[in-house]
Protein backbone atom coordinates (compact mmCIF):
# COMPACT_ATOMS: atom_id res chain seq x y z
CA UNK A 1 -23.64 5.55 -15.81
CA UNK A 2 -22.35 2.94 -13.66
CA UNK A 3 -18.79 3.65 -14.90
CA UNK A 4 -19.50 7.76 -14.65
CA UNK A 5 -20.36 6.88 -10.82
CA UNK A 6 -17.05 4.73 -10.60
CA UNK A 7 -14.60 7.45 -11.63
CA UNK A 8 -16.16 10.34 -9.10
CA UNK A 9 -16.07 8.03 -6.14
CA UNK A 10 -12.54 7.14 -7.53
CA UNK A 11 -11.84 10.76 -7.79
CA UNK A 12 -13.37 11.56 -4.65
CA UNK A 13 -11.37 8.95 -2.74
CA UNK A 14 -7.99 9.95 -4.22
CA UNK A 15 -8.41 13.87 -3.53
CA UNK A 16 -9.79 13.54 -0.12
CA UNK A 17 -8.00 15.90 2.22
CA UNK A 18 -5.93 14.05 4.95
CA UNK A 19 -4.33 15.92 7.56
CA UNK A 20 -0.54 15.60 7.61
CA UNK A 21 0.71 13.29 10.77
CA UNK A 22 3.19 15.51 13.51
CA UNK A 23 5.52 12.19 13.02
CA UNK A 24 9.19 13.10 14.11
CA UNK A 25 11.49 10.85 11.78
CA UNK A 26 14.34 10.88 14.45
CA UNK A 27 12.41 9.57 17.37
CA UNK A 28 11.00 7.24 14.37
CA UNK A 29 14.22 5.77 13.62
CA UNK A 30 14.85 4.44 17.31
CA UNK A 31 11.30 3.42 17.88
CA UNK A 32 11.08 1.51 14.59
CA UNK A 33 13.32 -1.40 15.97
CA UNK A 34 10.11 -3.29 16.95
CA UNK A 35 9.05 -3.04 13.14
CA UNK A 36 12.44 -3.45 11.72
CA UNK A 37 12.75 -7.36 12.73
CA UNK A 38 10.27 -7.88 9.66
CA UNK A 39 10.13 -5.21 7.45
CA UNK A 40 14.12 -4.39 7.78
CA UNK A 41 15.96 -1.36 9.35
CA UNK A 42 15.22 1.02 6.40
CA UNK A 43 12.05 -0.52 5.36
CA UNK A 44 13.09 -2.99 2.55
CA UNK A 45 11.57 -6.37 3.76
CA UNK A 46 13.67 -9.30 2.96
CA UNK A 47 10.71 -11.14 2.88
CA UNK A 48 8.54 -11.48 -0.51
CA UNK A 49 5.70 -11.56 1.87
CA UNK A 50 6.08 -9.15 4.16
CA UNK A 51 5.29 -5.43 2.61
CA UNK A 52 8.34 -2.88 1.99
CA UNK A 53 7.55 0.42 3.76
CA UNK A 54 10.61 2.48 2.29
CA UNK A 55 9.24 5.48 1.13
CA UNK A 56 5.66 4.73 1.99
CA UNK A 57 3.02 7.44 2.65
CA UNK A 58 3.02 8.35 6.17
CA UNK A 59 -0.69 8.53 6.29
CA UNK A 60 -0.98 4.65 4.63
CA UNK A 61 1.23 3.64 7.31
CA UNK A 62 -0.67 5.07 10.17
CA UNK A 63 -4.07 4.08 8.56
CA UNK A 64 -2.92 0.21 7.67
CA UNK A 65 -1.54 -0.19 11.58
CA UNK A 66 -4.60 1.39 13.12
CA UNK A 67 -6.62 -1.02 11.07
CA UNK A 68 -4.82 -3.95 12.75
CA UNK A 69 -5.09 -2.18 16.18
CA UNK A 70 -9.14 -2.32 15.91
CA UNK A 71 -9.21 -5.48 14.49
CA UNK A 72 -10.53 -4.44 10.92
CA UNK A 73 -7.58 -5.85 9.20
CA UNK A 74 -6.01 -9.43 11.07
CA UNK A 75 -2.49 -10.94 10.38
CA UNK A 76 -1.12 -13.33 12.99
CA UNK A 77 1.92 -11.17 13.24
CA UNK A 78 0.75 -7.58 12.88
CA UNK A 79 -2.30 -8.14 14.96
CA UNK A 80 0.13 -9.18 18.18
CA UNK A 81 2.63 -6.58 17.45
CA UNK A 82 1.13 -3.62 16.90
CA UNK A 83 -0.36 -3.83 20.23
CA UNK A 84 3.54 -3.29 21.62
CA UNK A 85 2.89 0.20 20.28
CA UNK A 86 0.60 1.91 22.57
CA UNK A 87 1.23 5.53 21.88
CA UNK A 88 -0.42 7.28 18.91
CA UNK A 89 2.76 9.63 18.89
CA UNK A 90 5.06 6.55 18.69
CA UNK A 91 3.20 5.16 15.48
CA UNK A 92 3.31 8.46 13.73
CA UNK A 93 7.15 8.69 14.93
CA UNK A 94 7.48 5.19 13.08
CA UNK A 95 5.85 6.31 10.25
CA UNK A 96 7.46 9.54 9.53
CA UNK A 97 10.89 7.54 9.43
CA UNK A 98 9.77 5.01 7.07
CA UNK A 99 8.13 7.58 4.75
CA UNK A 100 11.72 9.46 4.68
CA UNK A 101 13.26 6.33 3.67
CA UNK A 102 14.40 6.36 -0.14
CA UNK A 103 11.54 4.94 -2.17
CA UNK A 104 11.07 1.30 -2.37
CA UNK A 105 12.97 -0.19 -5.43
CA UNK A 106 11.82 -3.20 -7.87
CA UNK A 107 13.39 -5.73 -9.97
CA UNK A 108 11.37 -7.15 -13.27
CA UNK A 109 11.62 -10.49 -13.96
CA UNK A 110 9.27 -11.48 -16.55
CA UNK A 111 9.27 -8.43 -19.26
CA UNK A 112 5.85 -9.58 -21.61
CA UNK A 113 3.99 -9.95 -18.51
CA UNK A 114 4.77 -6.24 -17.09
CA UNK A 115 3.30 -5.44 -20.23
CA UNK A 116 0.54 -6.80 -20.09
CA UNK A 117 0.16 -5.89 -16.24
CA UNK A 118 0.88 -2.33 -16.90
CA UNK A 119 -2.10 -1.94 -19.94
CA UNK A 120 -4.00 -3.72 -17.19
CA UNK A 121 -3.26 -1.15 -14.42
CA UNK A 122 -4.33 1.54 -16.79
CA UNK A 123 -7.45 0.09 -18.21
CA UNK A 124 -8.71 -0.88 -14.65
CA UNK A 125 -7.85 2.67 -13.75
CA UNK A 126 -5.58 1.82 -10.70
CA UNK A 127 -3.38 4.79 -11.81
CA UNK A 128 -6.41 7.15 -10.91
CA UNK A 129 -5.45 6.94 -7.09
CA UNK A 130 -1.99 5.01 -7.11
CA UNK A 131 -0.45 7.08 -9.78
CA UNK A 132 1.50 6.27 -12.75
CA UNK A 133 3.67 3.21 -12.00
CA UNK A 134 1.90 3.00 -8.62
CA UNK A 135 4.09 5.74 -7.17
CA UNK A 136 1.51 8.64 -6.13
CA UNK A 137 2.09 11.81 -6.81
CA UNK A 138 1.92 15.56 -5.61
CA UNK A 139 -0.31 17.79 -4.58
CA UNK A 140 -2.63 14.60 -3.35
CA UNK A 141 0.21 12.63 -1.85
CA UNK A 142 -1.64 12.22 1.66
CA UNK A 143 -4.59 9.83 -0.01
CA UNK A 144 -4.68 6.71 1.91
CA UNK A 145 -4.13 4.92 -1.63
CA UNK A 146 -0.29 3.43 -0.92
CA UNK A 147 2.63 3.85 -3.31
CA UNK A 148 2.63 0.28 -4.87
CA UNK A 149 5.36 0.25 -7.49
CA UNK A 150 8.59 -1.32 -6.55
CA UNK A 151 6.65 -3.39 -3.77
CA UNK A 152 7.16 -7.42 -3.33
CA UNK A 153 5.59 -9.26 -6.30
CA UNK A 154 4.20 -11.75 -3.87
CA UNK A 155 2.81 -9.52 -1.27
CA UNK A 156 1.15 -7.73 -4.31
CA UNK A 157 -0.58 -10.66 -5.32
CA UNK A 158 -1.77 -11.75 -1.91
CA UNK A 159 -2.91 -8.00 -0.98
CA UNK A 160 -5.05 -7.85 -4.23
CA UNK A 161 -6.47 -11.53 -3.96
CA UNK A 162 -7.59 -10.74 -0.60
CA UNK A 163 -9.02 -7.36 -1.19
CA UNK A 164 -11.17 -9.10 -4.15
CA UNK A 165 -12.44 -11.43 -1.78
CA UNK A 166 -13.44 -9.06 0.61
CA UNK A 167 -11.00 -10.46 3.28
CA UNK A 168 -9.35 -7.07 3.69
CA UNK A 169 -10.53 -3.70 3.22
CA UNK A 170 -9.74 -1.91 0.41
CA UNK A 171 -10.91 1.74 0.37
CA UNK A 172 -13.71 3.41 1.47
CA UNK A 173 -15.83 3.40 -1.19
CA UNK A 174 -15.59 -0.30 -1.75
CA UNK A 175 -14.39 -0.17 -5.33
CA UNK A 176 -11.04 -2.07 -5.14
CA UNK A 177 -13.23 -5.21 -4.22
CA UNK A 178 -15.34 -4.88 -7.12
CA UNK A 179 -12.72 -3.96 -9.84
CA UNK A 180 -10.25 -6.50 -8.34
CA UNK A 181 -13.05 -9.31 -7.95
CA UNK A 182 -13.35 -9.06 -11.58
CA UNK A 183 -10.05 -9.96 -12.71
CA UNK A 184 -8.41 -13.55 -13.30
CA UNK A 185 -5.59 -14.97 -11.26
CA UNK A 186 -3.43 -14.48 -14.26
CA UNK A 187 -4.39 -10.56 -14.59
CA UNK A 188 -3.77 -10.36 -11.04
CA UNK A 189 -0.24 -11.84 -11.40
CA UNK A 190 0.43 -9.61 -14.34
CA UNK A 191 -0.26 -6.11 -12.41
CA UNK A 192 1.49 -7.42 -9.74
CA UNK A 193 4.66 -8.34 -11.94
CA UNK A 194 4.38 -4.84 -13.51
CA UNK A 195 4.14 -3.28 -10.21
CA UNK A 196 6.99 -5.23 -8.17
CA UNK A 197 9.33 -4.18 -11.20
CA UNK A 198 9.41 -0.68 -10.99
């Protein structure tokens, strides 16, 4: 019965309708200078601990940055930087710019661990919301579940550990903290190895 409720909640989360933002990517490129210092000019952060934004869902970028603005999520750098972007339209434009960049690409380093990670990604039903290979899929592109295939391994590990420990929000149904909270650090690393190599 519990598994049935989890699956229904996952489906509702993934297929919830979200409005498209009215971001202008041309203006967003000019306005993204403040973001590019850390995330890279094209959204490909050179730092393993800073997430790539290249090809990320526009809706997710807006949602995540709004959480920093409202203090729901905290990070010494982001919590300060987001205060510089006062205008909601500016945020939408920046999100539109990064969303239009070529999708983030990863590089595999441990094939055996990646194979184990792929099995866990499927068995733990991560693909229900994040899509096959963590790349999302149409027509549910505007879900708040982010694209994670090709993301930095170190960032993915920290994100999953923080969500599992309820140090940052996971999803509106609180499924991710429960799912990730039951995984070992080794299992989390395996999933991150798989995703970061895509």
